């Protein structure tokens, strides 16, 4: 494991966002959804997430999650991802989303 410094960690901007919209992403290499997320003062951002095995589109709407919001945009097929939704891999290698334990304002920063 490579250690990082506190200064390295401070460069990562992780914020709370609420999922507003979920769409299928048939052009993705692996089964994915296209997400539209509200990050409060940071505005609305889009992301692609490989979470179709554990989550339905309906259960994701309104869910608060954590995401890295200061990566450069990344093109995935014909879609431009603007943030990285965070999750952990379970025993089956499926992504389990990371959510705040209690509801909070969109845009709150991890600290």
Protein backbone atom coordinates (compact mmCIF):
# COMPACT_ATOMS: atom_id res chain seq x y z
CA UNK A 1 0.00 0.00 0.00
CA UNK A 2 1.34 3.42 -0.95
CA UNK A 3 1.01 6.07 1.73
CA UNK A 4 -0.10 9.57 0.81
CA UNK A 5 0.39 12.81 2.68
CA UNK A 6 -2.34 14.92 4.24
CA UNK A 7 -1.72 17.44 1.46
CA UNK A 8 -2.43 14.70 -1.11
CA UNK A 9 -5.73 13.87 0.61
CA UNK A 10 -6.76 17.53 0.74
CA UNK A 11 -6.57 17.68 -3.06
CA UNK A 12 -9.48 15.23 -3.38
CA UNK A 13 -12.84 17.02 -3.32
CA UNK A 14 -15.48 14.52 -2.18
CA UNK A 15 -19.02 15.87 -1.92
CA UNK A 16 -22.55 14.71 -1.15
CA UNK A 17 -24.93 14.66 -4.09
CA UNK A 18 -28.48 13.52 -4.67
CA UNK A 19 -29.32 11.39 -7.70
CA UNK A 20 -31.93 13.22 -9.77
CA UNK A 21 -32.08 11.09 -12.90
CA UNK A 22 -31.02 7.58 -13.92
CA UNK A 23 -30.88 6.30 -17.50
CA UNK A 24 -29.72 3.08 -19.11
CA UNK A 25 -26.34 3.31 -20.85
CA UNK A 26 -26.40 0.73 -23.66
CA UNK A 27 -23.20 2.05 -25.28
CA UNK A 28 -21.08 1.44 -22.16
CA UNK A 29 -18.60 -1.44 -22.34
CA UNK A 30 -19.90 -2.87 -19.03
CA UNK A 31 -23.52 -2.63 -17.81
CA UNK A 32 -23.92 0.89 -16.44
CA UNK A 33 -26.31 3.71 -15.72
CA UNK A 34 -26.00 7.36 -16.65
CA UNK A 35 -26.65 9.48 -13.55
CA UNK A 36 -27.53 13.14 -13.11
CA UNK A 37 -26.62 14.39 -9.61
CA UNK A 38 -27.34 17.58 -7.67
CA UNK A 39 -24.31 18.88 -5.74
CA UNK A 40 -25.95 22.03 -4.38
CA UNK A 41 -23.80 25.11 -4.98
CA UNK A 42 -21.58 23.08 -7.36
CA UNK A 43 -24.58 22.47 -9.61
CA UNK A 44 -25.72 19.43 -11.54
CA UNK A 45 -23.10 16.91 -12.70
CA UNK A 46 -23.29 13.73 -14.76
CA UNK A 47 -21.61 10.40 -14.08
CA UNK A 48 -21.58 6.85 -15.38
CA UNK A 49 -21.74 4.07 -12.79
CA UNK A 50 -21.47 0.29 -13.05
CA UNK A 51 -24.13 -0.35 -10.42
CA UNK A 52 -26.89 -2.11 -12.37
CA UNK A 53 -26.49 -5.46 -10.55
CA UNK A 54 -27.42 -4.10 -7.12
CA UNK A 55 -29.60 -1.05 -7.84
CA UNK A 56 -32.74 -0.38 -9.86
CA UNK A 57 -33.23 2.98 -11.50
CA UNK A 58 -36.26 3.63 -9.30
CA UNK A 59 -34.45 3.04 -5.99
CA UNK A 60 -31.58 5.34 -6.99
CA UNK A 61 -33.76 8.43 -7.55
CA UNK A 62 -33.42 10.69 -4.49
CA UNK A 63 -30.53 8.68 -3.00
CA UNK A 64 -27.65 10.70 -1.55
CA UNK A 65 -24.18 9.43 -2.45
CA UNK A 66 -20.55 10.53 -2.22
CA UNK A 67 -18.56 11.45 -5.32
CA UNK A 68 -15.20 12.94 -6.28
CA UNK A 69 -16.08 16.19 -8.05
CA UNK A 70 -12.66 17.55 -9.03
CA UNK A 71 -11.48 14.96 -11.56
CA UNK A 72 -11.23 16.15 -15.15
CA UNK A 73 -14.19 15.20 -17.34
CA UNK A 74 -13.92 11.74 -18.92
CA UNK A 75 -15.60 10.59 -22.10
CA UNK A 76 -17.20 7.15 -21.89
CA UNK A 77 -18.62 6.15 -25.29
CA UNK A 78 -20.78 9.13 -26.29
CA UNK A 79 -21.23 10.33 -22.68
CA UNK A 80 -19.15 12.88 -20.74
CA UNK A 81 -18.69 11.90 -17.08
CA UNK A 82 -18.10 14.90 -14.80
CA UNK A 83 -17.58 13.20 -11.41
CA UNK A 84 -16.71 9.81 -9.92
CA UNK A 85 -19.42 8.18 -7.83
CA UNK A 86 -17.84 6.30 -4.92
CA UNK A 87 -18.54 2.77 -3.79
CA UNK A 88 -16.91 -0.31 -2.35
CA UNK A 89 -16.67 -3.75 -3.94
CA UNK A 90 -18.59 -6.47 -2.15
CA UNK A 91 -17.62 -10.16 -2.07
CA UNK A 92 -19.10 -10.62 -5.60
CA UNK A 93 -17.14 -7.63 -6.99
CA UNK A 94 -20.34 -5.58 -7.32
CA UNK A 95 -20.22 -1.89 -6.40
CA UNK A 96 -22.06 -0.84 -3.23
CA UNK A 97 -22.57 2.93 -3.18
CA UNK A 98 -21.24 5.04 -0.31
CA UNK A 99 -23.93 7.23 1.25
CA UNK A 100 -23.98 9.58 4.23
CA UNK A 101 -25.42 7.91 7.31
CA UNK A 102 -27.90 10.80 7.68
CA UNK A 103 -29.41 13.12 5.11
CA UNK A 104 -27.42 16.29 4.60
CA UNK A 105 -27.26 19.25 2.24
CA UNK A 106 -26.10 18.56 -1.28
CA UNK A 107 -22.56 19.79 -1.82
CA UNK A 108 -21.33 19.13 1.73
CA UNK A 109 -17.69 18.16 1.65
CA UNK A 110 -16.18 15.03 3.14
CA UNK A 111 -13.86 16.01 5.94
